[in-house]
């Protein structure tokens, strides 16, 4: 199964639409958003996903109540532990907000850790854990809109520029 990952969309609806089109074309079975949608209208393109999606709040998400309502509860506080088949996934906006890790990923029992916030792509393995930050889908900070796709069977991820 493929998992689409995006973060830091920051209201950039055209880039969110491109990400949705890519995830649909890649036949992703799940999409995960690691926070910083900003306003509820930024969720509108996600309705066109052909799979389930879920996400966590980021530090720039203004009206969390409206975001939660518009997402039908698919956006939750972070860090969020998610069981995906036989894989344990931790989803957060800021890596530092995972209390048990205190910055040391080698301590986790999670198979996958997904985060955002830095606007910089980070795809690496730490022991048996795949760490994925898809970079910034919005492209506002560094001028490059990126997402990631995780191949759950191979436990590999790749960055894709939109």
N, C-alpha and C. Protein backbone atom coordinates (compact mmCIF):
# COMPACT_ATOMS: atom_id res chain seq x y z
N UNK A 1 0.83 -1.19 0.00
CA UNK A 1 0.00 0.00 0.00
C UNK A 1 0.88 1.25 0.00
N UNK A 2 0.41 2.27 -0.69
CA UNK A 2 1.09 3.55 -0.71
C UNK A 2 0.36 4.55 0.20
N UNK A 3 1.16 5.37 0.89
CA UNK A 3 0.61 6.41 1.75
C UNK A 3 1.12 7.75 1.22
N UNK A 4 0.20 8.65 0.94
CA UNK A 4 0.57 10.00 0.56
C UNK A 4 0.78 10.83 1.82
N UNK A 5 1.82 11.65 1.83
CA UNK A 5 2.13 12.48 3.01
C UNK A 5 2.33 13.92 2.56
N UNK A 6 1.66 14.84 3.23
CA UNK A 6 1.86 16.25 2.98
C UNK A 6 1.83 17.00 4.29
N UNK A 7 2.37 18.20 4.26
CA UNK A 7 2.43 19.04 5.46
C UNK A 7 2.59 20.49 5.03
N UNK A 8 2.32 21.37 5.96
CA UNK A 8 2.58 22.79 5.76
C UNK A 8 2.01 23.30 4.44
N UNK A 9 0.72 23.04 4.25
CA UNK A 9 0.04 23.51 3.04
C UNK A 9 -0.26 25.01 3.12
N UNK A 10 -0.44 25.55 4.28
CA UNK A 10 -0.59 26.99 4.51
C UNK A 10 -1.51 27.67 3.50
N UNK A 11 -2.71 27.12 3.34
CA UNK A 11 -3.76 27.72 2.50
C UNK A 11 -3.45 27.77 1.01
N UNK A 12 -2.43 27.10 0.54
CA UNK A 12 -2.09 27.13 -0.88
C UNK A 12 -2.95 26.09 -1.62
N UNK A 13 -4.19 26.46 -1.89
CA UNK A 13 -5.16 25.55 -2.49
C UNK A 13 -4.70 24.96 -3.82
N UNK A 14 -4.10 25.74 -4.74
CA UNK A 14 -3.64 25.12 -5.99
C UNK A 14 -2.63 23.98 -5.77
N UNK A 15 -1.74 24.13 -4.80
CA UNK A 15 -0.76 23.07 -4.53
C UNK A 15 -1.42 21.87 -3.83
N UNK A 16 -2.40 22.15 -2.99
CA UNK A 16 -3.14 21.05 -2.34
C UNK A 16 -3.86 20.24 -3.41
N UNK A 17 -4.45 20.93 -4.39
CA UNK A 17 -5.13 20.23 -5.49
C UNK A 17 -4.14 19.36 -6.27
N UNK A 18 -2.94 19.88 -6.54
CA UNK A 18 -1.92 19.09 -7.24
C UNK A 18 -1.54 17.86 -6.44
N UNK A 19 -1.41 18.03 -5.12
CA UNK A 19 -1.07 16.89 -4.26
C UNK A 19 -2.18 15.84 -4.31
N UNK A 20 -3.42 16.27 -4.23
CA UNK A 20 -4.56 15.34 -4.30
C UNK A 20 -4.55 14.58 -5.63
N UNK A 21 -4.34 15.30 -6.73
CA UNK A 21 -4.28 14.64 -8.04
C UNK A 21 -3.16 13.60 -8.09
N UNK A 22 -2.00 13.96 -7.54
CA UNK A 22 -0.87 13.03 -7.51
C UNK A 22 -1.21 11.79 -6.67
N UNK A 23 -1.74 11.99 -5.48
CA UNK A 23 -2.05 10.86 -4.60
C UNK A 23 -3.10 9.95 -5.24
N UNK A 24 -4.08 10.53 -5.94
CA UNK A 24 -5.07 9.72 -6.64
C UNK A 24 -4.42 8.95 -7.79
N UNK A 25 -3.54 9.61 -8.55
CA UNK A 25 -2.87 8.95 -9.68
C UNK A 25 -1.95 7.83 -9.21
N UNK A 26 -1.36 8.00 -8.03
CA UNK A 26 -0.46 6.98 -7.47
C UNK A 26 -1.23 5.88 -6.73
N UNK A 27 -2.54 6.00 -6.70
CA UNK A 27 -3.41 5.00 -6.05
C UNK A 27 -3.07 4.82 -4.57
N UNK A 28 -2.87 5.93 -3.87
CA UNK A 28 -2.58 5.86 -2.43
C UNK A 28 -3.79 5.31 -1.68
N UNK A 29 -3.53 4.49 -0.71
CA UNK A 29 -4.60 3.91 0.11
C UNK A 29 -4.91 4.73 1.34
N UNK A 30 -4.07 5.72 1.63
CA UNK A 30 -4.24 6.60 2.77
C UNK A 30 -3.41 7.85 2.52
N UNK A 31 -3.90 8.99 3.00
CA UNK A 31 -3.14 10.24 2.95
C UNK A 31 -3.06 10.79 4.36
N UNK A 32 -1.86 11.22 4.74
CA UNK A 32 -1.62 11.79 6.07
C UNK A 32 -1.11 13.21 5.92
N UNK A 33 -1.73 14.13 6.65
CA UNK A 33 -1.32 15.54 6.64
C UNK A 33 -0.72 15.84 8.01
N UNK A 34 0.52 16.33 8.02
CA UNK A 34 1.23 16.58 9.28
C UNK A 34 1.09 18.02 9.80
N UNK A 35 0.00 18.68 9.44
CA UNK A 35 -0.34 19.95 10.07
C UNK A 35 0.02 21.20 9.31
N UNK A 36 -0.54 22.29 9.79
CA UNK A 36 -0.47 23.64 9.21
C UNK A 36 -1.25 23.73 7.91
N UNK A 37 -2.56 23.48 8.05
CA UNK A 37 -3.52 23.71 6.97
C UNK A 37 -3.75 25.22 6.90
N UNK A 38 -3.92 25.81 8.08
CA UNK A 38 -4.20 27.22 8.38
C UNK A 38 -5.71 27.46 8.46
N UNK A 39 -6.41 27.66 7.36
CA UNK A 39 -7.83 27.96 7.41
C UNK A 39 -8.66 26.78 6.92
N UNK A 40 -9.91 26.68 7.38
CA UNK A 40 -10.77 25.56 6.96
C UNK A 40 -10.96 25.42 5.46
N UNK A 41 -10.96 26.53 4.70
CA UNK A 41 -11.16 26.41 3.25
C UNK A 41 -10.06 25.60 2.58
N UNK A 42 -8.90 25.50 3.22
CA UNK A 42 -7.78 24.73 2.65
C UNK A 42 -8.05 23.23 2.64
N UNK A 43 -9.09 22.80 3.33
CA UNK A 43 -9.43 21.37 3.36
C UNK A 43 -10.27 20.96 2.15
N UNK A 44 -10.87 21.91 1.47
CA UNK A 44 -11.80 21.62 0.38
C UNK A 44 -11.23 20.65 -0.67
N UNK A 45 -10.00 20.82 -1.14
CA UNK A 45 -9.49 19.87 -2.15
C UNK A 45 -9.38 18.43 -1.65
N UNK A 46 -9.25 18.23 -0.35
CA UNK A 46 -9.07 16.87 0.18
C UNK A 46 -10.31 16.00 -0.03
N UNK A 47 -11.45 16.62 -0.27
CA UNK A 47 -12.68 15.87 -0.52
C UNK A 47 -12.55 15.01 -1.77
N UNK A 48 -11.69 15.42 -2.70
CA UNK A 48 -11.53 14.68 -3.96
C UNK A 48 -10.57 13.49 -3.85
N UNK A 49 -10.01 13.27 -2.66
CA UNK A 49 -9.16 12.09 -2.49
C UNK A 49 -9.98 10.83 -2.66
N UNK A 50 -9.39 9.82 -3.29
CA UNK A 50 -10.07 8.54 -3.50
C UNK A 50 -9.78 7.57 -2.37
N UNK A 51 -9.26 8.08 -1.27
CA UNK A 51 -8.94 7.24 -0.12
C UNK A 51 -9.22 8.03 1.16
N UNK A 52 -9.09 7.35 2.27
CA UNK A 52 -9.23 7.99 3.58
C UNK A 52 -8.04 8.92 3.82
N UNK A 53 -8.25 9.97 4.57
CA UNK A 53 -7.15 10.84 4.98
C UNK A 53 -7.31 11.17 6.45
N UNK A 54 -6.21 11.52 7.06
CA UNK A 54 -6.23 11.96 8.45
C UNK A 54 -5.06 12.91 8.66
N UNK A 55 -5.11 13.64 9.73
CA UNK A 55 -4.03 14.58 9.98
C UNK A 55 -4.01 15.08 11.41
N UNK A 56 -3.00 15.86 11.70
CA UNK A 56 -2.83 16.47 13.02
C UNK A 56 -2.79 17.99 12.85
N UNK A 57 -3.09 18.68 13.94
CA UNK A 57 -3.01 20.14 13.92
C UNK A 57 -1.55 20.59 13.95
N UNK A 58 -1.29 21.74 13.33
CA UNK A 58 0.02 22.36 13.37
C UNK A 58 -0.02 23.63 14.20
N UNK A 59 1.11 24.26 14.33
CA UNK A 59 1.19 25.45 15.16
C UNK A 59 0.59 26.69 14.50
N UNK A 60 0.33 26.66 13.20
CA UNK A 60 -0.27 27.80 12.50
C UNK A 60 -1.73 27.59 12.15
N UNK A 61 -2.34 26.58 12.70
CA UNK A 61 -3.76 26.34 12.42
C UNK A 61 -4.60 27.21 13.33
N UNK A 62 -5.32 28.16 12.71
CA UNK A 62 -6.05 29.16 13.47
C UNK A 62 -7.29 28.64 14.18
N UNK A 63 -8.33 28.38 13.45
CA UNK A 63 -9.60 27.99 14.02
C UNK A 63 -9.69 26.47 14.08
N UNK A 64 -9.13 25.91 15.12
CA UNK A 64 -9.07 24.44 15.24
C UNK A 64 -10.46 23.81 15.29
N UNK A 65 -11.38 24.49 15.93
CA UNK A 65 -12.74 23.94 16.02
C UNK A 65 -13.36 23.84 14.63
N UNK A 66 -13.22 24.89 13.82
CA UNK A 66 -13.76 24.86 12.45
C UNK A 66 -13.04 23.84 11.59
N UNK A 67 -11.72 23.73 11.75
CA UNK A 67 -10.96 22.72 11.00
C UNK A 67 -11.43 21.31 11.37
N UNK A 68 -11.62 21.07 12.65
CA UNK A 68 -12.08 19.75 13.09
C UNK A 68 -13.47 19.44 12.54
N UNK A 69 -14.35 20.43 12.56
CA UNK A 69 -15.71 20.23 12.04
C UNK A 69 -15.71 19.99 10.53
N UNK A 70 -14.97 20.81 9.79
CA UNK A 70 -14.94 20.67 8.33
C UNK A 70 -14.29 19.34 7.92
N UNK A 71 -13.37 18.85 8.73
CA UNK A 71 -12.70 17.59 8.41
C UNK A 71 -13.45 16.36 8.92
N UNK A 72 -14.63 16.58 9.51
CA UNK A 72 -15.40 15.48 10.11
C UNK A 72 -14.58 14.72 11.14
N UNK A 73 -13.76 15.45 11.89
CA UNK A 73 -12.97 14.84 12.95
C UNK A 73 -11.72 14.13 12.50
N UNK A 74 -11.33 14.33 11.24
CA UNK A 74 -10.14 13.64 10.73
C UNK A 74 -8.85 14.34 11.13
N UNK A 75 -8.95 15.54 11.70
CA UNK A 75 -7.77 16.24 12.20
C UNK A 75 -7.80 16.17 13.72
N UNK A 76 -6.70 15.71 14.30
CA UNK A 76 -6.63 15.51 15.75
C UNK A 76 -5.37 16.18 16.30
N UNK A 77 -5.30 16.25 17.61
CA UNK A 77 -4.11 16.79 18.26
C UNK A 77 -2.93 15.85 18.05
N UNK A 78 -1.75 16.41 18.15
CA UNK A 78 -0.54 15.61 17.99
C UNK A 78 0.21 15.55 19.31
N UNK A 79 1.07 14.58 19.48
CA UNK A 79 1.34 13.45 18.59
C UNK A 79 0.18 12.46 18.61
N UNK A 80 -0.03 11.83 17.47
CA UNK A 80 -1.12 10.90 17.30
C UNK A 80 -0.55 9.54 16.93
N UNK A 81 -0.91 8.53 17.69
CA UNK A 81 -0.48 7.15 17.42
C UNK A 81 -1.53 6.47 16.57
N UNK A 82 -1.10 5.89 15.47
CA UNK A 82 -2.02 5.29 14.52
C UNK A 82 -1.52 3.90 14.16
N UNK A 83 -2.39 2.92 14.27
CA UNK A 83 -2.04 1.56 13.88
C UNK A 83 -2.51 1.33 12.45
N UNK A 84 -1.56 0.99 11.59
CA UNK A 84 -1.84 0.77 10.18
C UNK A 84 -1.38 -0.64 9.84
N UNK A 85 -2.36 -1.52 9.72
CA UNK A 85 -2.06 -2.94 9.53
C UNK A 85 -1.16 -3.41 10.68
N UNK A 86 0.03 -3.85 10.37
CA UNK A 86 0.94 -4.31 11.41
C UNK A 86 2.00 -3.27 11.73
N UNK A 87 1.78 -2.03 11.31
CA UNK A 87 2.76 -0.97 11.51
C UNK A 87 2.24 0.07 12.52
N UNK A 88 3.14 0.48 13.40
CA UNK A 88 2.82 1.56 14.34
C UNK A 88 3.33 2.85 13.75
N UNK A 89 2.44 3.84 13.65
CA UNK A 89 2.78 5.12 13.05
C UNK A 89 2.55 6.23 14.09
N UNK A 90 3.51 7.13 14.20
CA UNK A 90 3.34 8.33 15.02
C UNK A 90 3.29 9.52 14.06
N UNK A 91 2.23 10.32 14.21
CA UNK A 91 2.06 11.51 13.37
C UNK A 91 2.11 12.72 14.30
N UNK A 92 2.95 13.67 13.96
CA UNK A 92 3.06 14.88 14.76
C UNK A 92 3.37 16.05 13.83
N UNK A 93 3.23 17.25 14.34
CA UNK A 93 3.64 18.39 13.53
C UNK A 93 5.11 18.71 13.82
N UNK A 94 5.42 18.81 15.10
CA UNK A 94 6.80 19.11 15.49
C UNK A 94 7.40 17.87 16.14
N UNK A 95 8.51 17.43 15.63
CA UNK A 95 9.17 16.22 16.12
C UNK A 95 9.44 16.31 17.62
N UNK A 96 9.74 17.50 18.09
CA UNK A 96 10.05 17.71 19.51
C UNK A 96 8.85 17.48 20.42
N UNK A 97 7.65 17.40 19.85
CA UNK A 97 6.44 17.21 20.65
C UNK A 97 6.15 15.74 20.96
N UNK A 98 7.03 14.86 20.61
CA UNK A 98 6.86 13.45 20.98
C UNK A 98 7.64 13.26 22.28
N UNK A 99 6.94 13.28 23.42
CA UNK A 99 7.62 13.32 24.72
C UNK A 99 8.60 12.18 24.98
N UNK A 100 8.26 10.99 24.57
CA UNK A 100 9.11 9.84 24.88
C UNK A 100 10.44 9.87 24.13
N UNK A 101 10.48 10.57 23.02
CA UNK A 101 11.69 10.56 22.21
C UNK A 101 12.72 11.57 22.67
N UNK A 102 12.24 12.73 23.09
CA UNK A 102 13.14 13.80 23.50
C UNK A 102 14.27 13.96 22.49
N UNK A 103 13.89 13.94 21.19
CA UNK A 103 14.87 14.14 20.13
C UNK A 103 15.68 12.91 19.77
N UNK A 104 15.38 11.76 20.35
CA UNK A 104 16.17 10.56 20.08
C UNK A 104 15.28 9.51 19.42
N UNK A 105 15.28 9.51 18.11
CA UNK A 105 14.40 8.61 17.37
C UNK A 105 14.75 7.14 17.57
N UNK A 106 15.97 6.86 17.93
CA UNK A 106 16.34 5.45 18.11
C UNK A 106 15.61 4.81 19.28
N UNK A 107 14.92 5.62 20.09
CA UNK A 107 14.18 5.08 21.24
C UNK A 107 12.77 4.61 20.90
N UNK A 108 12.27 4.97 19.75
CA UNK A 108 10.88 4.67 19.44
C UNK A 108 10.67 3.23 19.00
N UNK A 109 9.47 2.75 19.28
CA UNK A 109 9.07 1.43 18.79
C UNK A 109 8.20 1.57 17.55
N UNK A 110 7.97 2.80 17.11
CA UNK A 110 7.15 3.04 15.92
C UNK A 110 7.91 2.60 14.68
N UNK A 111 7.16 2.12 13.71
CA UNK A 111 7.75 1.74 12.42
C UNK A 111 7.92 2.98 11.53
N UNK A 112 6.99 3.94 11.70
CA UNK A 112 7.02 5.15 10.88
C UNK A 112 6.75 6.36 11.79
N UNK A 113 7.55 7.41 11.63
CA UNK A 113 7.31 8.68 12.29
C UNK A 113 7.15 9.72 11.19
N UNK A 114 6.00 10.40 11.19
CA UNK A 114 5.71 11.43 10.20
C UNK A 114 5.61 12.76 10.92
N UNK A 115 6.29 13.77 10.38
CA UNK A 115 6.22 15.10 10.98
C UNK A 115 6.34 16.17 9.91
N UNK A 116 6.13 17.42 10.30
CA UNK A 116 6.23 18.55 9.39
C UNK A 116 6.99 19.68 10.07
N UNK A 117 6.44 20.88 10.01
CA UNK A 117 6.88 22.07 10.71
C UNK A 117 8.15 22.73 10.16
N UNK A 118 9.16 21.99 9.79
CA UNK A 118 10.43 22.59 9.38
C UNK A 118 10.41 23.08 7.94
N UNK A 119 9.44 22.63 7.16
CA UNK A 119 9.33 22.96 5.73
C UNK A 119 10.47 22.36 4.92
N UNK A 120 11.23 21.47 5.51
CA UNK A 120 12.36 20.83 4.83
C UNK A 120 12.12 19.32 4.78
N UNK A 121 12.35 18.74 3.61
CA UNK A 121 12.17 17.30 3.46
C UNK A 121 13.21 16.56 4.30
N UNK A 122 12.74 15.53 4.98
CA UNK A 122 13.60 14.67 5.79
C UNK A 122 13.08 13.25 5.63
N UNK A 123 13.78 12.45 4.86
CA UNK A 123 13.41 11.04 4.68
C UNK A 123 14.64 10.22 5.03
N UNK A 124 14.52 9.42 6.08
CA UNK A 124 15.67 8.63 6.53
C UNK A 124 15.18 7.48 7.40
N UNK A 125 16.09 6.52 7.58
CA UNK A 125 15.84 5.40 8.49
C UNK A 125 16.68 5.61 9.74
N UNK A 126 16.07 5.42 10.88
CA UNK A 126 16.77 5.44 12.16
C UNK A 126 16.48 4.09 12.79
N UNK A 127 17.49 3.25 12.81
CA UNK A 127 17.31 1.83 13.19
C UNK A 127 16.21 1.26 12.31
N UNK A 128 15.11 0.79 12.90
CA UNK A 128 14.02 0.19 12.12
C UNK A 128 12.86 1.14 11.89
N UNK A 129 13.08 2.43 12.10
CA UNK A 129 12.01 3.42 11.95
C UNK A 129 12.24 4.27 10.70
N UNK A 130 11.19 4.37 9.89
CA UNK A 130 11.22 5.26 8.73
C UNK A 130 10.71 6.62 9.18
N UNK A 131 11.53 7.64 9.02
CA UNK A 131 11.19 9.01 9.41
C UNK A 131 10.89 9.79 8.13
N UNK A 132 9.72 10.46 8.12
CA UNK A 132 9.30 11.18 6.92
C UNK A 132 8.77 12.56 7.26
N UNK A 133 9.44 13.57 6.74
CA UNK A 133 8.92 14.93 6.69
C UNK A 133 8.83 15.24 5.20
N UNK A 134 7.62 15.48 4.68
CA UNK A 134 7.48 15.68 3.24
C UNK A 134 7.91 17.05 2.73
N UNK A 135 8.36 17.91 3.63
CA UNK A 135 8.69 19.27 3.23
C UNK A 135 7.43 20.12 3.22
N UNK A 136 7.44 21.19 2.46
CA UNK A 136 6.30 22.10 2.44
C UNK A 136 5.50 21.98 1.15
N UNK A 137 4.27 21.55 1.28
CA UNK A 137 3.40 21.48 0.11
C UNK A 137 3.05 22.89 -0.35
N UNK A 138 2.90 23.81 0.59
CA UNK A 138 2.52 25.18 0.25
C UNK A 138 3.57 25.92 -0.55
N UNK A 139 4.83 25.63 -0.31
CA UNK A 139 5.90 26.25 -1.07
C UNK A 139 6.18 27.71 -0.74
N UNK A 140 5.61 28.20 0.32
CA UNK A 140 5.75 29.62 0.64
C UNK A 140 7.14 29.98 1.17
N UNK A 141 7.74 29.13 1.96
CA UNK A 141 8.99 29.49 2.64
C UNK A 141 10.22 29.31 1.75
N UNK A 142 10.30 28.17 1.07
CA UNK A 142 11.48 27.88 0.26
C UNK A 142 11.21 27.88 -1.24
N UNK A 143 9.96 28.11 -1.63
CA UNK A 143 9.63 28.19 -3.05
C UNK A 143 9.58 26.87 -3.78
N UNK A 144 9.54 25.77 -3.04
CA UNK A 144 9.49 24.43 -3.64
C UNK A 144 8.37 23.67 -2.94
N UNK A 145 7.37 23.25 -3.71
CA UNK A 145 6.24 22.50 -3.15
C UNK A 145 6.51 21.01 -3.27
N UNK A 146 6.57 20.34 -2.11
CA UNK A 146 6.89 18.91 -2.11
C UNK A 146 5.90 18.12 -1.25
N UNK A 147 5.79 16.86 -1.56
CA UNK A 147 5.04 15.88 -0.78
C UNK A 147 5.90 14.61 -0.75
N UNK A 148 5.41 13.59 -0.08
CA UNK A 148 6.12 12.31 -0.06
C UNK A 148 5.12 11.18 -0.27
N UNK A 149 5.62 10.08 -0.77
CA UNK A 149 4.84 8.85 -0.87
C UNK A 149 5.63 7.75 -0.20
N UNK A 150 4.97 7.08 0.72
CA UNK A 150 5.57 5.95 1.43
C UNK A 150 5.06 4.66 0.80
N UNK A 151 5.96 3.77 0.47
CA UNK A 151 5.61 2.42 0.04
C UNK A 151 5.67 1.55 1.29
N UNK A 152 4.51 1.22 1.80
CA UNK A 152 4.43 0.50 3.07
C UNK A 152 5.04 -0.90 2.98
N UNK A 153 4.93 -1.54 1.82
CA UNK A 153 5.48 -2.88 1.67
C UNK A 153 7.01 -2.88 1.71
N UNK A 154 7.61 -1.87 1.09
CA UNK A 154 9.07 -1.78 1.06
C UNK A 154 9.63 -0.97 2.22
N UNK A 155 8.77 -0.27 2.94
CA UNK A 155 9.19 0.62 4.03
C UNK A 155 10.20 1.64 3.49
N UNK A 156 9.83 2.26 2.37
CA UNK A 156 10.64 3.29 1.74
C UNK A 156 9.74 4.49 1.43
N UNK A 157 10.35 5.66 1.36
CA UNK A 157 9.60 6.86 0.98
C UNK A 157 10.39 7.65 -0.04
N UNK A 158 9.68 8.43 -0.83
CA UNK A 158 10.33 9.31 -1.79
C UNK A 158 9.66 10.67 -1.78
N UNK A 159 10.49 11.69 -2.00
CA UNK A 159 10.01 13.06 -2.12
C UNK A 159 9.56 13.29 -3.56
N UNK A 160 8.47 14.02 -3.72
CA UNK A 160 8.00 14.38 -5.05
C UNK A 160 7.75 15.88 -5.07
N UNK A 161 8.33 16.54 -6.06
CA UNK A 161 8.09 17.98 -6.26
C UNK A 161 6.84 18.15 -7.12
N UNK A 162 5.95 18.98 -6.66
CA UNK A 162 4.69 19.21 -7.39
C UNK A 162 4.91 20.19 -8.53
